[in-house]
Amino acid sequence: MRLNLDTTVFEEQQALLVRELVQSIRVKLQEVGLAGSQLEDTTAGIAFSVASMLDDTAAIEVDGTEVHPYLTFRTADDALTHCGENSYMHEFVYEVLRQLDQESKE
C-alpha cells in the first residue's frame, strides 16, 4: 500500500470516525438506561478516553512494553492516508457531541 500525506482528507476521516464512535457509545449507554446529563457526561468521558489512546496522547504501557498508535485511513485508491503526525481525534469529541445534541433537538 502507498502512504499518502493529505491533511484535509485525514481530518475529514477523523471527524467521521469520532462521530461514529460517539454515536455508538451513546447508543450502548442508552440501552443500559442512562439519560440526560449522565448520558452526555459518560459518553464524552468514554469517547475522549478512547480517542486519546488512539491519538497517542494517553500513556499506554503493558508489562514494560509501550504502545504508540499511529492512525491512518485507507482511501478508495487503496492508499493509507495520514497527516504527518499523531491523530488528534480527541479534539473533535465535544464538537461532535454538540452537533448531535443540536440534531436531536431539530
C-alpha atoms as a PDB file:
ATOM      1  CA  MET A   1       0.000   0.000   0.000  1.00  0.00           C
ATOM      2  CA  ARG A   2       1.043   3.519  -0.760  1.00  0.00           C
ATOM      3  CA  LEU A   3       1.348   6.036   2.085  1.00  0.00           C
ATOM      4  CA  ASN A   4      -0.335   9.341   1.261  1.00  0.00           C
ATOM      5  CA  LEU A   5       0.115  12.605   3.199  1.00  0.00           C
ATOM      6  CA  ASP A   6      -3.174  14.525   2.936  1.00  0.00           C
ATOM      7  CA  THR A   7      -4.180  16.562   5.974  1.00  0.00           C
ATOM      8  CA  THR A   8      -7.560  17.585   4.523  1.00  0.00           C
ATOM      9  CA  VAL A   9      -8.751  14.043   3.824  1.00  0.00           C
ATOM     10  CA  PHE A  10      -7.255  12.860   7.107  1.00  0.00           C
ATOM     11  CA  GLU A  11      -9.146  15.481   9.108  1.00  0.00           C
ATOM     12  CA  GLU A  12     -12.418  14.646   7.368  1.00  0.00           C
ATOM     13  CA  GLN A  13     -11.912  10.955   8.097  1.00  0.00           C
ATOM     14  CA  GLN A  14     -11.050  11.633  11.756  1.00  0.00           C
ATOM     15  CA  ALA A  15     -14.207  13.687  12.231  1.00  0.00           C
ATOM     16  CA  LEU A  16     -16.350  10.936  10.706  1.00  0.00           C
ATOM     17  CA  LEU A  17     -14.691   8.282  12.867  1.00  0.00           C
ATOM     18  CA  VAL A  18     -15.232  10.318  16.031  1.00  0.00           C
ATOM     19  CA  ARG A  19     -18.873  10.887  15.117  1.00  0.00           C
ATOM     20  CA  GLU A  20     -19.437   7.136  14.716  1.00  0.00           C
ATOM     21  CA  LEU A  21     -17.536   6.409  17.925  1.00  0.00           C
ATOM     22  CA  VAL A  22     -19.599   8.911  19.924  1.00  0.00           C
ATOM     23  CA  GLN A  23     -22.883   7.684  18.439  1.00  0.00           C
ATOM     24  CA  SER A  24     -22.033   4.045  19.194  1.00  0.00           C
ATOM     25  CA  ILE A  25     -21.072   4.811  22.773  1.00  0.00           C
ATOM     26  CA  ARG A  26     -24.204   6.892  23.309  1.00  0.00           C
ATOM     27  CA  VAL A  27     -26.496   4.140  21.968  1.00  0.00           C
ATOM     28  CA  LYS A  28     -24.929   1.481  24.204  1.00  0.00           C
ATOM     29  CA  LEU A  29     -25.237   3.723  27.266  1.00  0.00           C
ATOM     30  CA  GLN A  30     -28.861   4.487  26.431  1.00  0.00           C
ATOM     31  CA  GLU A  31     -29.515   0.742  26.177  1.00  0.00           C
ATOM     32  CA  VAL A  32     -28.436   0.342  29.807  1.00  0.00           C
ATOM     33  CA  GLY A  33     -30.670   3.185  30.923  1.00  0.00           C
ATOM     34  CA  LEU A  34     -28.502   6.298  31.063  1.00  0.00           C
ATOM     35  CA  ALA A  35     -30.190   9.565  30.110  1.00  0.00           C
ATOM     36  CA  GLY A  36     -29.786  13.316  30.372  1.00  0.00           C
ATOM     37  CA  SER A  37     -26.569  14.836  31.671  1.00  0.00           C
ATOM     38  CA  GLN A  38     -25.349  11.478  32.976  1.00  0.00           C
ATOM     39  CA  LEU A  39     -25.611  10.057  29.445  1.00  0.00           C
ATOM     40  CA  GLU A  40     -23.827  13.044  27.900  1.00  0.00           C
ATOM     41  CA  ASP A  41     -21.059  13.191  30.514  1.00  0.00           C
ATOM     42  CA  THR A  42     -20.382   9.459  30.380  1.00  0.00           C
ATOM     43  CA  THR A  43     -20.446   9.409  26.575  1.00  0.00           C
ATOM     44  CA  ALA A  44     -17.993  12.316  26.461  1.00  0.00           C
ATOM     45  CA  GLY A  45     -15.677  10.731  29.011  1.00  0.00           C
ATOM     46  CA  ILE A  46     -15.514   7.358  27.277  1.00  0.00           C
ATOM     47  CA  ALA A  47     -15.166   8.842  23.782  1.00  0.00           C
ATOM     48  CA  PHE A  48     -12.450  11.250  24.918  1.00  0.00           C
ATOM     49  CA  SER A  49     -10.514   8.436  26.616  1.00  0.00           C
ATOM     50  CA  VAL A  50     -10.686   6.122  23.592  1.00  0.00           C
ATOM     51  CA  ALA A  51      -9.780   8.917  21.166  1.00  0.00           C
ATOM     52  CA  SER A  52      -6.845   9.958  23.377  1.00  0.00           C
ATOM     53  CA  MET A  53      -5.496   6.409  23.366  1.00  0.00           C
ATOM     54  CA  LEU A  54      -5.711   6.230  19.587  1.00  0.00           C
ATOM     55  CA  ASP A  55      -4.132   9.690  19.308  1.00  0.00           C
ATOM     56  CA  ASP A  56      -1.197   8.505  21.430  1.00  0.00           C
ATOM     57  CA  THR A  57      -1.847  11.255  23.976  1.00  0.00           C
ATOM     58  CA  ALA A  58      -2.579   8.752  26.749  1.00  0.00           C
ATOM     59  CA  ALA A  59       0.349   6.714  28.008  1.00  0.00           C
ATOM     60  CA  ILE A  60      -0.130   3.041  27.159  1.00  0.00           C
ATOM     61  CA  GLU A  61       2.286   0.580  28.705  1.00  0.00           C
ATOM     62  CA  VAL A  62       1.744  -3.096  29.472  1.00  0.00           C
ATOM     63  CA  ASP A  63       4.373  -5.228  31.195  1.00  0.00           C
ATOM     64  CA  GLY A  64       7.125  -2.813  30.203  1.00  0.00           C
ATOM     65  CA  THR A  65       6.049  -2.559  26.567  1.00  0.00           C
ATOM     66  CA  GLU A  66       4.983   0.891  25.408  1.00  0.00           C
ATOM     67  CA  VAL A  67       2.313   1.184  22.726  1.00  0.00           C
ATOM     68  CA  HIS A  68       2.288   4.155  20.349  1.00  0.00           C
ATOM     69  CA  PRO A  69      -0.577   4.081  17.814  1.00  0.00           C
ATOM     70  CA  TYR A  70      -0.304   5.984  14.542  1.00  0.00           C
ATOM     71  CA  LEU A  71      -3.612   6.384  12.754  1.00  0.00           C
ATOM     72  CA  THR A  72      -4.060   6.117   9.006  1.00  0.00           C
ATOM     73  CA  PHE A  73      -7.164   5.802   6.858  1.00  0.00           C
ATOM     74  CA  ARG A  74      -7.456   3.532   3.837  1.00  0.00           C
ATOM     75  CA  THR A  75      -8.898   5.523   0.953  1.00  0.00           C
ATOM     76  CA  ALA A  76     -10.699   4.382  -2.195  1.00  0.00           C
ATOM     77  CA  ASP A  77      -7.430   4.209  -4.164  1.00  0.00           C
ATOM     78  CA  ASP A  78      -6.032   1.752  -1.569  1.00  0.00           C
ATOM     79  CA  ALA A  79      -3.643   4.338  -0.171  1.00  0.00           C
ATOM     80  CA  LEU A  80      -3.074   4.824   3.544  1.00  0.00           C
ATOM     81  CA  THR A  81      -3.731   8.478   4.268  1.00  0.00           C
ATOM     82  CA  HIS A  82      -2.025  10.133   7.228  1.00  0.00           C
ATOM     83  CA  CYS A  83      -1.413  13.678   8.424  1.00  0.00           C
ATOM     84  CA  GLY A  84       2.332  13.509   9.105  1.00  0.00           C
ATOM     85  CA  GLU A  85       1.913  13.382  12.883  1.00  0.00           C
ATOM     86  CA  ASN A  86      -0.283  11.764  15.503  1.00  0.00           C
ATOM     87  CA  SER A  87      -4.018  11.986  15.073  1.00  0.00           C
ATOM     88  CA  TYR A  88      -5.993  14.489  17.147  1.00  0.00           C
ATOM     89  CA  MET A  89      -9.429  12.895  17.322  1.00  0.00           C
ATOM     90  CA  HIS A  90      -9.884  13.824  20.972  1.00  0.00           C
ATOM     91  CA  GLU A  91     -10.224  17.449  19.831  1.00  0.00           C
ATOM     92  CA  PHE A  92     -13.411  16.557  17.920  1.00  0.00           C
ATOM     93  CA  VAL A  93     -15.280  14.780  20.731  1.00  0.00           C
ATOM     94  CA  TYR A  94     -17.026  17.752  22.336  1.00  0.00           C
ATOM     95  CA  GLU A  95     -17.789  19.388  18.986  1.00  0.00           C
ATOM     96  CA  VAL A  96     -19.412  16.167  17.772  1.00  0.00           C
ATOM     97  CA  LEU A  97     -21.433  15.911  20.994  1.00  0.00           C
ATOM     98  CA  ARG A  98     -22.712  19.473  20.465  1.00  0.00           C
ATOM     99  CA  GLN A  99     -23.642  18.682  16.851  1.00  0.00           C
ATOM    100  CA  LEU A 100     -25.503  15.521  17.829  1.00  0.00           C
ATOM    101  CA  ASP A 101     -27.326  17.400  20.589  1.00  0.00           C
ATOM    102  CA  GLN A 102     -28.398  20.091  18.094  1.00  0.00           C
ATOM    103  CA  GLU A 103     -29.559  17.451  15.609  1.00  0.00           C
ATOM    104  CA  SER A 104     -31.639  15.689  18.256  1.00  0.00           C
ATOM    105  CA  LYS A 105     -33.401  18.986  19.099  1.00  0.00           C
ATOM    106  CA  GLU A 106     -34.371  19.669  15.477  1.00  0.00           C
END
